[in-house]
Amino acid sequence: MASDDTTQQTPNKGERKSIFTNHEISMLGIRSNLVQASFSYERMHSPGWTWAQLPYWQKIYKDDPKGLKRVMTDNMEFINSSPPLYPILMGLLLTMEEDHVDPQTIKGLKNALFGPMAGIGDAIFWFTIMPIVGGISASIAKNGNVLGPIIFFLVYLFLFWSRAPLAHLGYNLGARAIDVIEDNSKIISHVASILGLTVIGSLIASYVKMQLTIKIGAGNATINLQKQLLDKIFPNILPFAFVFLLYWLLKKNVNPIWLIVVTFVLAIAMSAIGWM
């Protein structure tokens, strides 16, 4: 027996005709690179977020000034997430605006996805890719090799242009991207965070240098406290301990400015008295 209920189906991407060209969607990703060029502590990324999408809203609502005003007003509210992944979210929301989905649904979805997108984007880009590339490039550059900064610039350039395919990804996936983001956000951010923290931990040993010059008399001999004792027990234990001391103090809500000042004062004092 057939049911009398009818379910409204959201048209698949392949079944709907887009009003935007491939070039326009690519430019959406490129424009998203400038989101932070207009920054406000009251609204965070919303001025740049709105600017990046404005030409597309104008095309959708060319005959509806009130609709354009509404979408601009909705997107000038406080916005803060991970800019490298903004193209995916912009493409997704643009699809919904183009299909004239209920504004409250779009607004609710946008606010709901900012958190997961921030977790994924920060973990991948700022805690994994950039520390790894920065560490490798700095290691090459400190030996006087110009290849170091070139590698860093090329990777950054790649990330700049990669926003174009990300915009296409979000636009083509449409509403299907919601489940992907929600189902995998915790796993992706957790794995990327582990990798990023591992790299940062190795960078501590490479770039934070602390060496004691104190020598202790032992009978007719003298013992170098650093080389003959501390390094034998735990190489690089001083930078390791100092970094985690600063981390512990940060967790105790100590002002980071004070930690920087104390670090400078200790470095100068210990060097002046000849202990480091």
C-alpha atoms as a PDB file:
ATOM      1  CA  MET A   1       0.000   0.000   0.000  1.00  0.00           C
ATOM      2  CA  ALA A   2       1.518   3.276  -1.056  1.00  0.00           C
ATOM      3  CA  SER A   3       2.033   5.946   1.567  1.00  0.00           C
ATOM      4  CA  ASP A   4       0.444   9.342   1.169  1.00  0.00           C
ATOM      5  CA  ASP A   5       3.453  11.053   2.778  1.00  0.00           C
ATOM      6  CA  THR A   6       5.758  12.953   0.473  1.00  0.00           C
ATOM      7  CA  THR A   7       9.365  13.756   1.241  1.00  0.00           C
ATOM      8  CA  GLN A   8      11.042  16.752  -0.278  1.00  0.00           C
ATOM      9  CA  GLN A   9      14.346  15.675  -1.771  1.00  0.00           C
ATOM     10  CA  THR A  10      17.333  17.969  -1.901  1.00  0.00           C
ATOM     11  CA  PRO A  11      18.542  17.821  -5.497  1.00  0.00           C
ATOM     12  CA  ASN A  12      21.897  16.183  -6.021  1.00  0.00           C
ATOM     13  CA  LYS A  13      24.707  18.293  -7.300  1.00  0.00           C
ATOM     14  CA  GLY A  14      24.706  16.530 -10.626  1.00  0.00           C
ATOM     15  CA  GLU A  15      20.975  17.205 -11.095  1.00  0.00           C
ATOM     16  CA  ARG A  16      20.994  20.939 -10.451  1.00  0.00           C
ATOM     17  CA  LYS A  17      22.240  23.640 -12.741  1.00  0.00           C
ATOM     18  CA  SER A  18      24.697  25.972 -11.110  1.00  0.00           C
ATOM     19  CA  ILE A  19      24.654  29.688 -11.842  1.00  0.00           C
ATOM     20  CA  PHE A  20      28.405  29.867 -11.196  1.00  0.00           C
ATOM     21  CA  THR A  21      31.259  28.897 -13.513  1.00  0.00           C
ATOM     22  CA  ASN A  22      34.222  26.794 -12.450  1.00  0.00           C
ATOM     23  CA  HIS A  23      36.382  29.912 -12.579  1.00  0.00           C
ATOM     24  CA  GLU A  24      34.053  31.730 -10.180  1.00  0.00           C
ATOM     25  CA  ILE A  25      34.178  28.873  -7.674  1.00  0.00           C
ATOM     26  CA  SER A  26      37.986  28.818  -7.940  1.00  0.00           C
ATOM     27  CA  MET A  27      38.064  32.554  -7.271  1.00  0.00           C
ATOM     28  CA  LEU A  28      35.940  31.999  -4.167  1.00  0.00           C
ATOM     29  CA  GLY A  29      38.792  29.902  -2.776  1.00  0.00           C
ATOM     30  CA  ILE A  30      41.403  32.489  -3.780  1.00  0.00           C
ATOM     31  CA  ARG A  31      39.373  35.328  -2.248  1.00  0.00           C
ATOM     32  CA  SER A  32      39.184  33.372   1.014  1.00  0.00           C
ATOM     33  CA  ASN A  33      42.947  33.917   1.415  1.00  0.00           C
ATOM     34  CA  LEU A  34      42.189  37.552   2.262  1.00  0.00           C
ATOM     35  CA  VAL A  35      39.652  36.854   5.005  1.00  0.00           C
ATOM     36  CA  GLN A  36      42.044  38.084   7.696  1.00  0.00           C
ATOM     37  CA  ALA A  37      42.994  41.218   5.765  1.00  0.00           C
ATOM     38  CA  SER A  38      39.973  42.848   7.380  1.00  0.00           C
ATOM     39  CA  PHE A  39      40.068  41.864  11.029  1.00  0.00           C
ATOM     40  CA  SER A  40      37.992  43.086  13.946  1.00  0.00           C
ATOM     41  CA  TYR A  41      38.112  41.953  17.576  1.00  0.00           C
ATOM     42  CA  GLU A  42      34.390  42.643  17.761  1.00  0.00           C
ATOM     43  CA  ARG A  43      33.488  40.521  14.718  1.00  0.00           C
ATOM     44  CA  MET A  44      36.776  38.629  14.158  1.00  0.00           C
ATOM     45  CA  HIS A  45      36.771  37.235  10.574  1.00  0.00           C
ATOM     46  CA  SER A  46      33.283  38.314   9.532  1.00  0.00           C
ATOM     47  CA  PRO A  47      34.287  41.454   7.503  1.00  0.00           C
ATOM     48  CA  GLY A  48      36.678  39.441   5.302  1.00  0.00           C
ATOM     49  CA  TRP A  49      34.330  36.451   5.269  1.00  0.00           C
ATOM     50  CA  THR A  50      31.529  38.658   3.946  1.00  0.00           C
ATOM     51  CA  TRP A  51      33.777  40.403   1.394  1.00  0.00           C
ATOM     52  CA  ALA A  52      34.979  37.069  -0.028  1.00  0.00           C
ATOM     53  CA  GLN A  53      31.430  35.875  -0.755  1.00  0.00           C
ATOM     54  CA  LEU A  54      29.740  39.187  -1.600  1.00  0.00           C
ATOM     55  CA  PRO A  55      29.976  38.891  -5.441  1.00  0.00           C
ATOM     56  CA  TYR A  56      28.323  35.478  -5.264  1.00  0.00           C
ATOM     57  CA  TRP A  57      25.461  36.668  -3.073  1.00  0.00           C
ATOM     58  CA  GLN A  58      24.975  39.611  -5.420  1.00  0.00           C
ATOM     59  CA  LYS A  59      24.582  37.158  -8.294  1.00  0.00           C
ATOM     60  CA  ILE A  60      22.141  34.953  -6.366  1.00  0.00           C
ATOM     61  CA  TYR A  61      20.055  37.871  -5.066  1.00  0.00           C
ATOM     62  CA  LYS A  62      20.397  40.214  -8.035  1.00  0.00           C
ATOM     63  CA  ASP A  63      16.619  40.705  -8.131  1.00  0.00           C
ATOM     64  CA  ASP A  64      16.116  40.529  -4.363  1.00  0.00           C
ATOM     65  CA  PRO A  65      17.699  43.478  -2.469  1.00  0.00           C
ATOM     66  CA  LYS A  66      16.106  42.371   0.791  1.00  0.00           C
ATOM     67  CA  GLY A  67      17.581  38.882   0.407  1.00  0.00           C
ATOM     68  CA  LEU A  68      21.034  40.352  -0.201  1.00  0.00           C
ATOM     69  CA  LYS A  69      20.687  42.593   2.842  1.00  0.00           C
ATOM     70  CA  ARG A  70      19.602  39.635   4.953  1.00  0.00           C
ATOM     71  CA  VAL A  71      22.505  37.377   3.965  1.00  0.00           C
ATOM     72  CA  MET A  72      25.045  40.187   4.494  1.00  0.00           C
ATOM     73  CA  THR A  73      23.600  40.946   7.925  1.00  0.00           C
ATOM     74  CA  ASP A  74      23.660  37.271   8.936  1.00  0.00           C
ATOM     75  CA  ASN A  75      27.307  36.930   7.929  1.00  0.00           C
ATOM     76  CA  MET A  76      28.514  40.089   9.672  1.00  0.00           C
ATOM     77  CA  GLU A  77      28.007  38.442  13.042  1.00  0.00           C
ATOM     78  CA  PHE A  78      30.984  37.137  15.047  1.00  0.00           C
ATOM     79  CA  ILE A  79      32.879  34.535  13.001  1.00  0.00           C
ATOM     80  CA  ASN A  80      36.007  32.689  14.088  1.00  0.00           C
ATOM     81  CA  SER A  81      37.274  29.350  12.805  1.00  0.00           C
ATOM     82  CA  SER A  82      40.239  28.026  10.826  1.00  0.00           C
ATOM     83  CA  PRO A  83      40.824  30.177   7.689  1.00  0.00           C
ATOM     84  CA  PRO A  84      42.638  27.454   5.688  1.00  0.00           C
ATOM     85  CA  LEU A  85      39.388  25.442   5.597  1.00  0.00           C
ATOM     86  CA  TYR A  86      37.064  28.388   4.970  1.00  0.00           C
ATOM     87  CA  PRO A  87      36.780  27.579   1.225  1.00  0.00           C
ATOM     88  CA  ILE A  88      35.075  24.256   2.011  1.00  0.00           C
ATOM     89  CA  LEU A  89      32.583  25.920   4.306  1.00  0.00           C
ATOM     90  CA  MET A  90      32.017  28.815   1.898  1.00  0.00           C
ATOM     91  CA  GLY A  91      31.370  26.406  -0.979  1.00  0.00           C
ATOM     92  CA  LEU A  92      28.947  24.387   1.119  1.00  0.00           C
ATOM     93  CA  LEU A  93      26.995  27.440   2.310  1.00  0.00           C
ATOM     94  CA  LEU A  94      27.006  28.963  -1.182  1.00  0.00           C
ATOM     95  CA  THR A  95      25.239  25.851  -2.477  1.00  0.00           C
ATOM     96  CA  MET A  96      22.572  26.269   0.176  1.00  0.00           C
ATOM     97  CA  GLU A  97      22.122  29.984  -0.568  1.00  0.00           C
ATOM     98  CA  GLU A  98      21.830  29.152  -4.256  1.00  0.00           C
ATOM     99  CA  ASP A  99      19.107  26.596  -3.477  1.00  0.00           C
ATOM    100  CA  HIS A 100      17.391  29.170  -1.218  1.00  0.00           C
ATOM    101  CA  VAL A 101      17.473  26.942   1.836  1.00  0.00           C
ATOM    102  CA  ASP A 102      15.805  28.441   4.912  1.00  0.00           C
ATOM    103  CA  PRO A 103      18.112  31.214   6.293  1.00  0.00           C
ATOM    104  CA  GLN A 104      17.850  29.913   9.864  1.00  0.00           C
ATOM    105  CA  THR A 105      18.982  26.471   8.698  1.00  0.00           C
ATOM    106  CA  ILE A 106      21.993  27.984   6.944  1.00  0.00           C
ATOM    107  CA  LYS A 107      22.827  30.144   9.938  1.00  0.00           C
ATOM    108  CA  GLY A 108      22.534  27.253  12.379  1.00  0.00           C
ATOM    109  CA  LEU A 109      24.641  24.960  10.210  1.00  0.00           C
ATOM    110  CA  LYS A 110      27.322  27.606   9.771  1.00  0.00           C
ATOM    111  CA  ASN A 111      27.628  28.185  13.520  1.00  0.00           C
ATOM    112  CA  ALA A 112      27.581  24.442  14.226  1.00  0.00           C
ATOM    113  CA  LEU A 113      30.452  23.724  11.809  1.00  0.00           C
ATOM    114  CA  PHE A 114      32.801  26.493  12.936  1.00  0.00           C
ATOM    115  CA  GLY A 115      33.985  24.420  15.912  1.00  0.00           C
ATOM    116  CA  PRO A 116      34.784  21.161  14.055  1.00  0.00           C
ATOM    117  CA  MET A 117      36.377  23.091  11.183  1.00  0.00           C
ATOM    118  CA  ALA A 118      38.597  24.987  13.634  1.00  0.00           C
ATOM    119  CA  GLY A 119      39.712  21.743  15.269  1.00  0.00           C
ATOM    120  CA  ILE A 120      40.569  20.086  11.964  1.00  0.00           C
ATOM    121  CA  GLY A 121      42.163  23.129  10.305  1.00  0.00           C
ATOM    122  CA  ASP A 122      44.338  24.203  13.242  1.00  0.00           C
ATOM    123  CA  ALA A 123      45.506  20.649  13.887  1.00  0.00           C
ATOM    124  CA  ILE A 124      46.445  20.025  10.251  1.00  0.00           C
ATOM    125  CA  PHE A 125      47.864  23.383   9.207  1.00  0.00           C
ATOM    126  CA  TRP A 126      49.244  25.148  12.297  1.00  0.00           C
ATOM    127  CA  PHE A 127      50.157  22.147  14.485  1.00  0.00           C
ATOM    128  CA  THR A 128      51.373  19.776  11.767  1.00  0.00           C
ATOM    129  CA  ILE A 129      52.217  21.124   8.304  1.00  0.00           C
ATOM    130  CA  MET A 130      53.694  24.509   9.207  1.00  0.00           C
ATOM    131  CA  PRO A 131      55.818  23.323  12.201  1.00  0.00           C
ATOM    132  CA  ILE A 132      57.221  20.431  10.152  1.00  0.00           C
ATOM    133  CA  VAL A 133      57.965  22.562   7.085  1.00  0.00           C
ATOM    134  CA  GLY A 134      59.224  25.442   9.238  1.00  0.00           C
ATOM    135  CA  GLY A 135      61.530  23.141  11.181  1.00  0.00           C
ATOM    136  CA  ILE A 136      62.963  21.538   8.037  1.00  0.00           C
ATOM    137  CA  SER A 137      63.374  24.891   6.287  1.00  0.00           C
ATOM    138  CA  ALA A 138      65.021  26.497   9.330  1.00  0.00           C
ATOM    139  CA  SER A 139      67.441  23.574   9.681  1.00  0.00           C
ATOM    140  CA  ILE A 140      68.468  23.973   6.038  1.00  0.00           C
ATOM    141  CA  ALA A 141      68.654  27.775   6.220  1.00  0.00           C
ATOM    142  CA  LYS A 142      70.781  27.939   9.378  1.00  0.00           C
ATOM    143  CA  ASN A 143      73.603  26.264   7.451  1.00  0.00           C
ATOM    144  CA  GLY A 144      73.517  29.105   4.935  1.00  0.00           C
ATOM    145  CA  ASN A 145      71.528  27.221   2.305  1.00  0.00           C
ATOM    146  CA  VAL A 146      69.060  29.455   0.453  1.00  0.00           C
ATOM    147  CA  LEU A 147      66.949  26.379  -0.293  1.00  0.00           C
ATOM    148  CA  GLY A 148      65.457  26.633   3.224  1.00  0.00           C
ATOM    149  CA  PRO A 149      63.364  29.791   2.724  1.00  0.00           C
ATOM    150  CA  ILE A 150      62.565  28.726  -0.855  1.00  0.00           C
ATOM    151  CA  ILE A 151      61.036  25.455   0.374  1.00  0.00           C
ATOM    152  CA  PHE A 152      58.984  27.302   2.995  1.00  0.00           C
ATOM    153  CA  PHE A 153      57.765  29.832   0.409  1.00  0.00           C
ATOM    154  CA  LEU A 154      56.821  27.111  -2.099  1.00  0.00           C
ATOM    155  CA  VAL A 155      54.813  25.201   0.511  1.00  0.00           C
ATOM    156  CA  TYR A 156      53.037  28.389   1.571  1.00  0.00           C
ATOM    157  CA  LEU A 157      52.344  29.165  -2.091  1.00  0.00           C
ATOM    158  CA  PHE A 158      50.902  25.670  -2.543  1.00  0.00           C
ATOM    159  CA  LEU A 159      48.603  26.197   0.449  1.00  0.00           C
ATOM    160  CA  PHE A 160      47.519  29.542  -1.039  1.00  0.00           C
ATOM    161  CA  TRP A 161      46.442  27.995  -4.352  1.00  0.00           C
ATOM    162  CA  SER A 162      45.053  24.820  -2.745  1.00  0.00           C
ATOM    163  CA  ARG A 163      42.083  26.856  -1.533  1.00  0.00           C
ATOM    164  CA  ALA A 164      40.645  26.824  -5.066  1.00  0.00           C
ATOM    165  CA  PRO A 165      40.108  23.018  -5.180  1.00  0.00           C
ATOM    166  CA  LEU A 166      38.885  23.147  -1.566  1.00  0.00           C
ATOM    167  CA  ALA A 167      36.158  25.594  -2.631  1.00  0.00           C
ATOM    168  CA  HIS A 168      35.154  23.196  -5.426  1.00  0.00           C
ATOM    169  CA  LEU A 169      35.125  20.341  -2.898  1.00  0.00           C
ATOM    170  CA  GLY A 170      32.718  22.131  -0.575  1.00  0.00           C
ATOM    171  CA  TYR A 171      30.547  23.379  -3.432  1.00  0.00           C
ATOM    172  CA  ASN A 172      30.302  19.982  -5.135  1.00  0.00           C
ATOM    173  CA  LEU A 173      29.728  17.998  -1.954  1.00  0.00           C
ATOM    174  CA  GLY A 174      26.981  20.352  -0.838  1.00  0.00           C
ATOM    175  CA  ALA A 175      24.991  19.088   2.118  1.00  0.00           C
ATOM    176  CA  ARG A 176      26.802  15.729   1.951  1.00  0.00           C
ATOM    177  CA  ALA A 177      29.875  17.477   3.428  1.00  0.00           C
ATOM    178  CA  ILE A 178      28.071  17.958   6.743  1.00  0.00           C
ATOM    179  CA  ASP A 179      28.159  14.264   7.679  1.00  0.00           C
ATOM    180  CA  VAL A 180      31.784  13.927   6.561  1.00  0.00           C
ATOM    181  CA  ILE A 181      32.876  16.861   8.712  1.00  0.00           C
ATOM    182  CA  GLU A 182      30.915  15.831  11.788  1.00  0.00           C
ATOM    183  CA  ASP A 183      31.858  12.128  11.614  1.00  0.00           C
ATOM    184  CA  ASN A 184      35.579  12.628  11.092  1.00  0.00           C
ATOM    185  CA  SER A 185      36.426  15.923  12.808  1.00  0.00           C
ATOM    186  CA  LYS A 186      37.485  14.376  16.136  1.00  0.00           C
ATOM    187  CA  ILE A 187      39.549  11.610  14.537  1.00  0.00           C
ATOM    188  CA  ILE A 188      41.351  13.904  12.093  1.00  0.00           C
ATOM    189  CA  SER A 189      42.097  16.613  14.656  1.00  0.00           C
ATOM    190  CA  HIS A 190      43.284  14.056  17.243  1.00  0.00           C
ATOM    191  CA  VAL A 191      45.679  12.296  14.853  1.00  0.00           C
ATOM    192  CA  ALA A 192      47.021  15.579  13.473  1.00  0.00           C
ATOM    193  CA  SER A 193      47.480  16.967  16.987  1.00  0.00           C
ATOM    194  CA  ILE A 194      49.547  13.932  18.021  1.00  0.00           C
ATOM    195  CA  LEU A 195      51.777  14.292  14.968  1.00  0.00           C
ATOM    196  CA  GLY A 196      52.094  18.057  15.474  1.00  0.00           C
ATOM    197  CA  LEU A 197      52.991  17.728  19.165  1.00  0.00           C
ATOM    198  CA  THR A 198      55.590  15.094  18.306  1.00  0.00           C
ATOM    199  CA  VAL A 199      57.227  17.474  15.831  1.00  0.00           C
ATOM    200  CA  ILE A 200      57.077  20.390  18.265  1.00  0.00           C
ATOM    201  CA  GLY A 201      58.673  18.187  20.921  1.00  0.00           C
ATOM    202  CA  SER A 202      61.573  17.399  18.606  1.00  0.00           C
ATOM    203  CA  LEU A 203      61.943  21.073  17.734  1.00  0.00           C
ATOM    204  CA  ILE A 204      62.340  21.882  21.444  1.00  0.00           C
ATOM    205  CA  ALA A 205      65.464  19.706  21.590  1.00  0.00           C
ATOM    206  CA  SER A 206      66.799  21.243  18.362  1.00  0.00           C
ATOM    207  CA  TYR A 207      66.206  24.950  18.992  1.00  0.00           C
ATOM    208  CA  VAL A 208      65.977  25.491  22.771  1.00  0.00           C
ATOM    209  CA  LYS A 209      69.583  25.475  23.948  1.00  0.00           C
ATOM    210  CA  MET A 210      70.558  25.390  27.648  1.00  0.00           C
ATOM    211  CA  GLN A 211      74.050  24.307  28.703  1.00  0.00           C
ATOM    212  CA  LEU A 212      75.449  24.583  32.233  1.00  0.00           C
ATOM    213  CA  THR A 213      79.137  25.524  32.502  1.00  0.00           C
ATOM    214  CA  ILE A 214      79.367  24.706  36.213  1.00  0.00           C
ATOM    215  CA  LYS A 215      82.172  22.363  37.260  1.00  0.00           C
ATOM    216  CA  ILE A 216      82.242  20.479  40.554  1.00  0.00           C
ATOM    217  CA  GLY A 217      85.406  19.385  42.306  1.00  0.00           C
ATOM    218  CA  ALA A 218      85.695  15.687  43.097  1.00  0.00           C
ATOM    219  CA  GLY A 219      88.984  14.918  44.808  1.00  0.00           C
ATOM    220  CA  ASN A 220      91.793  15.780  42.439  1.00  0.00           C
ATOM    221  CA  ALA A 221      89.441  15.920  39.454  1.00  0.00           C
ATOM    222  CA  THR A 222      86.665  18.233  38.313  1.00  0.00           C
ATOM    223  CA  ILE A 223      83.342  17.140  36.878  1.00  0.00           C
ATOM    224  CA  ASN A 224      81.545  19.099  34.192  1.00  0.00           C
ATOM    225  CA  LEU A 225      77.988  19.116  35.528  1.00  0.00           C
ATOM    226  CA  GLN A 226      76.457  19.302  32.051  1.00  0.00           C
ATOM    227  CA  LYS A 227      78.569  16.895  29.983  1.00  0.00           C
ATOM    228  CA  GLN A 228      79.564  14.356  32.600  1.00  0.00           C
ATOM    229  CA  LEU A 229      76.372  14.208  34.621  1.00  0.00           C
ATOM    230  CA  LEU A 230      73.196  15.662  33.115  1.00  0.00           C
ATOM    231  CA  ASP A 231      73.892  14.536  29.523  1.00  0.00           C
ATOM    232  CA  LYS A 232      74.694  11.045  30.771  1.00  0.00           C
ATOM    233  CA  ILE A 233      71.368  10.815  32.600  1.00  0.00           C
ATOM    234  CA  PHE A 234      69.049  12.589  30.147  1.00  0.00           C
ATOM    235  CA  PRO A 235      70.401  14.531  27.134  1.00  0.00           C
ATOM    236  CA  ASN A 236      68.681  17.911  26.689  1.00  0.00           C
ATOM    237  CA  ILE A 237      66.966  17.596  30.058  1.00  0.00           C
ATOM    238  CA  LEU A 238      67.338  21.327  30.791  1.00  0.00           C
ATOM    239  CA  PRO A 239      65.483  22.666  27.720  1.00  0.00           C
ATOM    240  CA  PHE A 240      62.924  19.894  28.167  1.00  0.00           C
ATOM    241  CA  ALA A 241      62.324  20.825  31.813  1.00  0.00           C
ATOM    242  CA  PHE A 242      62.270  24.569  31.138  1.00  0.00           C
ATOM    243  CA  VAL A 243      59.710  24.280  28.319  1.00  0.00           C
ATOM    244  CA  PHE A 244      57.396  22.172  30.461  1.00  0.00           C
ATOM    245  CA  LEU A 245      57.859  24.572  33.371  1.00  0.00           C
ATOM    246  CA  LEU A 246      56.645  27.391  31.118  1.00  0.00           C
ATOM    247  CA  TYR A 247      53.784  25.202  29.913  1.00  0.00           C
ATOM    248  CA  TRP A 248      52.779  24.438  33.518  1.00  0.00           C
ATOM    249  CA  LEU A 249      52.870  28.142  34.401  1.00  0.00           C
ATOM    250  CA  LEU A 250      50.706  28.939  31.364  1.00  0.00           C
ATOM    251  CA  LYS A 251      48.169  26.362  32.563  1.00  0.00           C
ATOM    252  CA  LYS A 252      48.210  28.207  35.881  1.00  0.00           C
ATOM    253  CA  ASN A 253      47.157  31.364  33.990  1.00  0.00           C
ATOM    254  CA  VAL A 254      50.473  33.139  34.397  1.00  0.00           C
ATOM    255  CA  ASN A 255      50.696  36.047  31.942  1.00  0.00           C
ATOM    256  CA  PRO A 256      52.821  35.005  28.892  1.00  0.00           C
ATOM    257  CA  ILE A 257      54.447  38.453  28.867  1.00  0.00           C
ATOM    258  CA  TRP A 258      55.845  37.814  32.337  1.00  0.00           C
ATOM    259  CA  LEU A 259      57.197  34.439  31.221  1.00  0.00           C
ATOM    260  CA  ILE A 260      59.029  36.097  28.320  1.00  0.00           C
ATOM    261  CA  VAL A 261      60.484  38.737  30.650  1.00  0.00           C
ATOM    262  CA  VAL A 262      61.589  36.132  33.209  1.00  0.00           C
ATOM    263  CA  THR A 263      63.208  34.044  30.442  1.00  0.00           C
ATOM    264  CA  PHE A 264      65.210  37.047  29.206  1.00  0.00           C
ATOM    265  CA  VAL A 265      66.268  38.016  32.739  1.00  0.00           C
ATOM    266  CA  LEU A 266      67.335  34.466  33.630  1.00  0.00           C
ATOM    267  CA  ALA A 267      69.302  34.081  30.391  1.00  0.00           C
ATOM    268  CA  ILE A 268      71.163  37.367  30.940  1.00  0.00           C
ATOM    269  CA  ALA A 269      71.778  36.707  34.662  1.00  0.00           C
ATOM    270  CA  MET A 270      73.005  33.117  34.210  1.00  0.00           C
ATOM    271  CA  SER A 271      75.284  34.191  31.373  1.00  0.00           C
ATOM    272  CA  ALA A 272      76.658  37.123  33.395  1.00  0.00           C
ATOM    273  CA  ILE A 273      77.651  34.967  36.361  1.00  0.00           C
ATOM    274  CA  GLY A 274      79.115  32.327  34.056  1.00  0.00           C
ATOM    275  CA  TRP A 275      76.768  29.465  34.847  1.00  0.00           C
ATOM    276  CA  MET A 276      75.539  29.113  31.256  1.00  0.00           C
END
